[in-house]
Amino acid sequence: MNSNPRSPLKAALAVELARAGMTQRELARLLGVPPTTLSTWLSGAHPAPPDLPSRISTAMGLERSLLPTPEIREGPDRATSHGATRAFGEVN
């Protein structure tokens, strides 16, 4: 689990969601993932896919530079072990 519950991505996203008047649940729906999946990625409980900031930027109509890239952990617990890759339409 991430020891920093307020990751740079989560902090930046909170600002942009507030500006857009959008909830994290609504964003999850736009991304095509369950709200709990998005929440675990943003909290650091599970590794976020490397393209998450780009997907969020596209879904919200934001400049990509507004959202930092999440840290990628190496090893067997990478995104595919938590269904992240499958959530974006790729087959394991």
N, C-alpha and C. Protein backbone atom coordinates (compact mmCIF):
# COMPACT_ATOMS: atom_id res chain seq x y z
N MET A 1 0.84 -1.19 0.00
CA MET A 1 0.00 0.00 0.00
C MET A 1 0.88 1.24 0.00
N ASN A 2 0.44 2.26 -0.64
CA ASN A 2 1.18 3.50 -0.72
C ASN A 2 1.15 4.21 0.63
N SER A 3 2.32 4.66 1.11
CA SER A 3 2.36 5.35 2.39
C SER A 3 1.92 6.79 2.26
N ASN A 4 1.77 7.31 1.05
CA ASN A 4 1.34 8.67 0.82
C ASN A 4 -0.08 8.65 0.24
N PRO A 5 -1.10 8.78 1.09
CA PRO A 5 -2.46 8.67 0.60
C PRO A 5 -2.86 9.80 -0.34
N ARG A 6 -2.09 10.88 -0.36
CA ARG A 6 -2.39 11.99 -1.25
C ARG A 6 -1.31 12.07 -2.32
N SER A 7 -1.33 11.12 -3.25
CA SER A 7 -0.33 11.07 -4.31
C SER A 7 -0.46 12.32 -5.19
N PRO A 8 0.61 12.66 -5.91
CA PRO A 8 0.54 13.82 -6.81
C PRO A 8 -0.59 13.69 -7.84
N LEU A 9 -0.80 12.49 -8.37
CA LEU A 9 -1.88 12.30 -9.34
C LEU A 9 -3.24 12.52 -8.67
N LYS A 10 -3.43 11.96 -7.48
CA LYS A 10 -4.71 12.10 -6.78
C LYS A 10 -4.97 13.56 -6.43
N ALA A 11 -3.93 14.27 -5.98
CA ALA A 11 -4.09 15.69 -5.63
C ALA A 11 -4.46 16.53 -6.85
N ALA A 12 -3.74 16.31 -7.96
CA ALA A 12 -4.03 17.07 -9.18
C ALA A 12 -5.41 16.74 -9.72
N LEU A 13 -5.78 15.47 -9.64
CA LEU A 13 -7.09 15.06 -10.13
C LEU A 13 -8.21 15.67 -9.29
N ALA A 14 -8.02 15.74 -7.98
CA ALA A 14 -9.04 16.34 -7.11
C ALA A 14 -9.32 17.78 -7.53
N VAL A 15 -8.26 18.52 -7.86
CA VAL A 15 -8.43 19.91 -8.32
C VAL A 15 -9.21 19.95 -9.62
N GLU A 16 -8.83 19.10 -10.57
CA GLU A 16 -9.47 19.11 -11.89
C GLU A 16 -10.92 18.61 -11.83
N LEU A 17 -11.19 17.62 -10.98
CA LEU A 17 -12.57 17.16 -10.81
C LEU A 17 -13.44 18.28 -10.24
N ALA A 18 -12.91 19.00 -9.26
CA ALA A 18 -13.66 20.12 -8.66
C ALA A 18 -13.94 21.20 -9.71
N ARG A 19 -12.93 21.52 -10.50
CA ARG A 19 -13.12 22.53 -11.56
C ARG A 19 -14.18 22.11 -12.55
N ALA A 20 -14.22 20.82 -12.85
CA ALA A 20 -15.18 20.30 -13.83
C ALA A 20 -16.55 20.02 -13.22
N GLY A 21 -16.65 20.08 -11.88
CA GLY A 21 -17.91 19.74 -11.23
C GLY A 21 -18.24 18.27 -11.40
N MET A 22 -17.22 17.44 -11.41
CA MET A 22 -17.38 16.01 -11.67
C MET A 22 -16.94 15.23 -10.44
N THR A 23 -17.55 14.09 -10.22
CA THR A 23 -17.14 13.21 -9.14
C THR A 23 -16.19 12.13 -9.65
N GLN A 24 -15.48 11.52 -8.73
CA GLN A 24 -14.60 10.42 -9.09
C GLN A 24 -15.41 9.26 -9.66
N ARG A 25 -16.62 9.07 -9.15
CA ARG A 25 -17.50 8.01 -9.66
C ARG A 25 -17.87 8.27 -11.12
N GLU A 26 -18.16 9.53 -11.45
CA GLU A 26 -18.49 9.88 -12.83
C GLU A 26 -17.28 9.67 -13.75
N LEU A 27 -16.11 10.02 -13.25
CA LEU A 27 -14.90 9.80 -14.04
C LEU A 27 -14.68 8.31 -14.29
N ALA A 28 -14.87 7.51 -13.26
CA ALA A 28 -14.71 6.05 -13.42
C ALA A 28 -15.64 5.54 -14.52
N ARG A 29 -16.86 6.02 -14.53
CA ARG A 29 -17.81 5.61 -15.57
C ARG A 29 -17.30 6.00 -16.95
N LEU A 30 -16.77 7.21 -17.08
CA LEU A 30 -16.21 7.64 -18.38
C LEU A 30 -15.02 6.79 -18.80
N LEU A 31 -14.25 6.34 -17.83
CA LEU A 31 -13.08 5.51 -18.12
C LEU A 31 -13.46 4.05 -18.37
N GLY A 32 -14.68 3.68 -18.00
CA GLY A 32 -15.13 2.30 -18.19
C GLY A 32 -14.60 1.34 -17.15
N VAL A 33 -14.33 1.87 -15.95
CA VAL A 33 -13.86 1.02 -14.85
C VAL A 33 -14.77 1.21 -13.64
N PRO A 34 -14.82 0.21 -12.77
CA PRO A 34 -15.60 0.39 -11.54
C PRO A 34 -15.00 1.50 -10.68
N PRO A 35 -15.83 2.25 -9.97
CA PRO A 35 -15.31 3.31 -9.09
C PRO A 35 -14.28 2.80 -8.09
N THR A 36 -14.45 1.58 -7.60
CA THR A 36 -13.48 1.04 -6.64
C THR A 36 -12.11 0.82 -7.29
N THR A 37 -12.10 0.45 -8.55
CA THR A 37 -10.83 0.27 -9.26
C THR A 37 -10.09 1.60 -9.37
N LEU A 38 -10.79 2.63 -9.80
CA LEU A 38 -10.17 3.95 -9.90
C LEU A 38 -9.67 4.40 -8.53
N SER A 39 -10.45 4.18 -7.52
CA SER A 39 -10.07 4.58 -6.17
C SER A 39 -8.80 3.87 -5.70
N THR A 40 -8.69 2.57 -5.96
CA THR A 40 -7.49 1.84 -5.53
C THR A 40 -6.27 2.28 -6.31
N TRP A 41 -6.44 2.64 -7.58
CA TRP A 41 -5.31 3.15 -8.36
C TRP A 41 -4.85 4.48 -7.79
N LEU A 42 -5.80 5.37 -7.50
CA LEU A 42 -5.45 6.71 -7.03
C LEU A 42 -4.88 6.70 -5.62
N SER A 43 -5.31 5.75 -4.81
CA SER A 43 -4.80 5.67 -3.43
C SER A 43 -3.45 4.99 -3.37
N GLY A 44 -3.08 4.28 -4.42
CA GLY A 44 -1.83 3.54 -4.42
C GLY A 44 -1.97 2.13 -3.89
N ALA A 45 -3.20 1.72 -3.55
CA ALA A 45 -3.41 0.36 -3.05
C ALA A 45 -3.09 -0.67 -4.13
N HIS A 46 -3.31 -0.32 -5.38
CA HIS A 46 -2.95 -1.16 -6.53
C HIS A 46 -2.28 -0.25 -7.54
N PRO A 47 -1.30 -0.77 -8.28
CA PRO A 47 -0.61 0.06 -9.26
C PRO A 47 -1.55 0.53 -10.36
N ALA A 48 -1.44 1.80 -10.70
CA ALA A 48 -2.23 2.35 -11.79
C ALA A 48 -1.55 2.03 -13.12
N PRO A 49 -2.35 1.82 -14.17
CA PRO A 49 -1.73 1.62 -15.48
C PRO A 49 -0.97 2.89 -15.88
N PRO A 50 0.14 2.74 -16.57
CA PRO A 50 0.95 3.91 -16.93
C PRO A 50 0.21 4.94 -17.78
N ASP A 51 -0.79 4.50 -18.52
CA ASP A 51 -1.52 5.44 -19.38
C ASP A 51 -2.72 6.08 -18.68
N LEU A 52 -2.87 5.87 -17.39
CA LEU A 52 -4.03 6.43 -16.69
C LEU A 52 -4.14 7.94 -16.82
N PRO A 53 -3.07 8.72 -16.61
CA PRO A 53 -3.21 10.17 -16.77
C PRO A 53 -3.68 10.58 -18.17
N SER A 54 -3.18 9.89 -19.19
CA SER A 54 -3.61 10.20 -20.56
C SER A 54 -5.09 9.88 -20.75
N ARG A 55 -5.53 8.76 -20.22
CA ARG A 55 -6.94 8.38 -20.34
C ARG A 55 -7.84 9.36 -19.59
N ILE A 56 -7.40 9.77 -18.41
CA ILE A 56 -8.17 10.75 -17.63
C ILE A 56 -8.22 12.07 -18.37
N SER A 57 -7.07 12.52 -18.88
CA SER A 57 -7.03 13.78 -19.62
C SER A 57 -7.97 13.76 -20.81
N THR A 58 -7.97 12.66 -21.55
CA THR A 58 -8.86 12.53 -22.70
C THR A 58 -10.32 12.54 -22.25
N ALA A 59 -10.65 11.78 -21.23
CA ALA A 59 -12.04 11.69 -20.76
C ALA A 59 -12.56 13.03 -20.26
N MET A 60 -11.67 13.82 -19.64
CA MET A 60 -12.09 15.10 -19.06
C MET A 60 -11.83 16.29 -19.96
N GLY A 61 -11.17 16.05 -21.11
CA GLY A 61 -10.85 17.15 -22.01
C GLY A 61 -9.79 18.09 -21.44
N LEU A 62 -8.80 17.51 -20.75
CA LEU A 62 -7.74 18.29 -20.11
C LEU A 62 -6.45 18.22 -20.92
N GLU A 63 -5.58 19.20 -20.69
CA GLU A 63 -4.22 19.12 -21.19
C GLU A 63 -3.54 17.99 -20.45
N ARG A 64 -2.83 17.12 -21.15
CA ARG A 64 -2.16 15.99 -20.53
C ARG A 64 -1.17 16.43 -19.45
N SER A 65 -0.55 17.58 -19.63
CA SER A 65 0.48 18.06 -18.69
C SER A 65 -0.08 18.42 -17.32
N LEU A 66 -1.41 18.51 -17.17
CA LEU A 66 -2.00 18.86 -15.88
C LEU A 66 -1.96 17.71 -14.88
N LEU A 67 -1.78 16.49 -15.36
CA LEU A 67 -1.79 15.33 -14.48
C LEU A 67 -0.44 14.62 -14.50
N PRO A 68 0.18 14.42 -13.33
CA PRO A 68 1.46 13.72 -13.29
C PRO A 68 1.30 12.23 -13.57
N THR A 69 2.36 11.60 -14.01
CA THR A 69 2.37 10.16 -14.26
C THR A 69 2.53 9.43 -12.93
N PRO A 70 1.71 8.39 -12.70
CA PRO A 70 1.83 7.65 -11.43
C PRO A 70 3.12 6.86 -11.38
N GLU A 71 3.58 6.57 -10.15
CA GLU A 71 4.74 5.71 -9.98
C GLU A 71 4.39 4.32 -10.45
N ILE A 72 5.34 3.67 -11.12
CA ILE A 72 5.14 2.30 -11.58
C ILE A 72 5.98 1.39 -10.70
N ARG A 73 5.32 0.47 -10.03
CA ARG A 73 6.06 -0.50 -9.21
C ARG A 73 6.45 -1.67 -10.09
N GLU A 74 7.65 -2.16 -9.89
CA GLU A 74 8.13 -3.31 -10.64
C GLU A 74 7.77 -4.58 -9.91
N GLY A 75 7.69 -5.68 -10.64
CA GLY A 75 7.47 -6.96 -10.00
C GLY A 75 6.16 -7.59 -10.40
N PRO A 76 5.83 -8.71 -9.76
CA PRO A 76 4.66 -9.49 -10.15
C PRO A 76 3.32 -8.82 -9.85
N ASP A 77 3.31 -7.76 -9.02
CA ASP A 77 2.04 -7.12 -8.69
C ASP A 77 1.74 -5.95 -9.62
N ARG A 78 2.37 -5.92 -10.80
CA ARG A 78 2.09 -4.86 -11.76
C ARG A 78 0.61 -4.87 -12.12
N ALA A 79 0.16 -3.92 -12.84
CA ALA A 79 -1.26 -3.68 -13.10
C ALA A 79 -2.05 -4.91 -13.54
N THR A 80 -1.45 -5.79 -14.33
CA THR A 80 -2.21 -6.92 -14.84
C THR A 80 -2.66 -7.87 -13.74
N SER A 81 -1.93 -7.95 -12.62
CA SER A 81 -2.34 -8.86 -11.56
C SER A 81 -3.57 -8.36 -10.83
N HIS A 82 -3.93 -7.10 -11.05
CA HIS A 82 -5.10 -6.53 -10.39
C HIS A 82 -6.21 -6.21 -11.37
N GLY A 83 -6.09 -6.69 -12.58
CA GLY A 83 -7.14 -6.47 -13.57
C GLY A 83 -7.08 -5.15 -14.29
N ALA A 84 -6.06 -4.35 -14.05
CA ALA A 84 -6.00 -3.02 -14.65
C ALA A 84 -5.91 -3.10 -16.16
N THR A 85 -5.09 -3.99 -16.67
CA THR A 85 -4.96 -4.09 -18.13
C THR A 85 -6.27 -4.57 -18.74
N ARG A 86 -6.89 -5.56 -18.11
CA ARG A 86 -8.17 -6.04 -18.63
C ARG A 86 -9.23 -4.95 -18.62
N ALA A 87 -9.18 -4.06 -17.63
CA ALA A 87 -10.18 -3.00 -17.54
C ALA A 87 -10.10 -2.07 -18.74
N PHE A 88 -8.94 -2.04 -19.40
CA PHE A 88 -8.79 -1.18 -20.56
C PHE A 88 -8.85 -1.95 -21.86
N GLY A 89 -9.39 -3.15 -21.82
CA GLY A 89 -9.70 -3.87 -23.03
C GLY A 89 -8.63 -4.79 -23.57
N GLU A 90 -7.51 -4.95 -22.88
CA GLU A 90 -6.49 -5.86 -23.35
C GLU A 90 -6.70 -7.21 -22.69
N VAL A 91 -6.31 -8.25 -23.40
CA VAL A 91 -6.46 -9.60 -22.89
C VAL A 91 -5.14 -10.07 -22.34
N ASN A 92 -5.17 -10.67 -21.15
CA ASN A 92 -3.94 -11.21 -20.54
C ASN A 92 -3.58 -12.53 -21.15
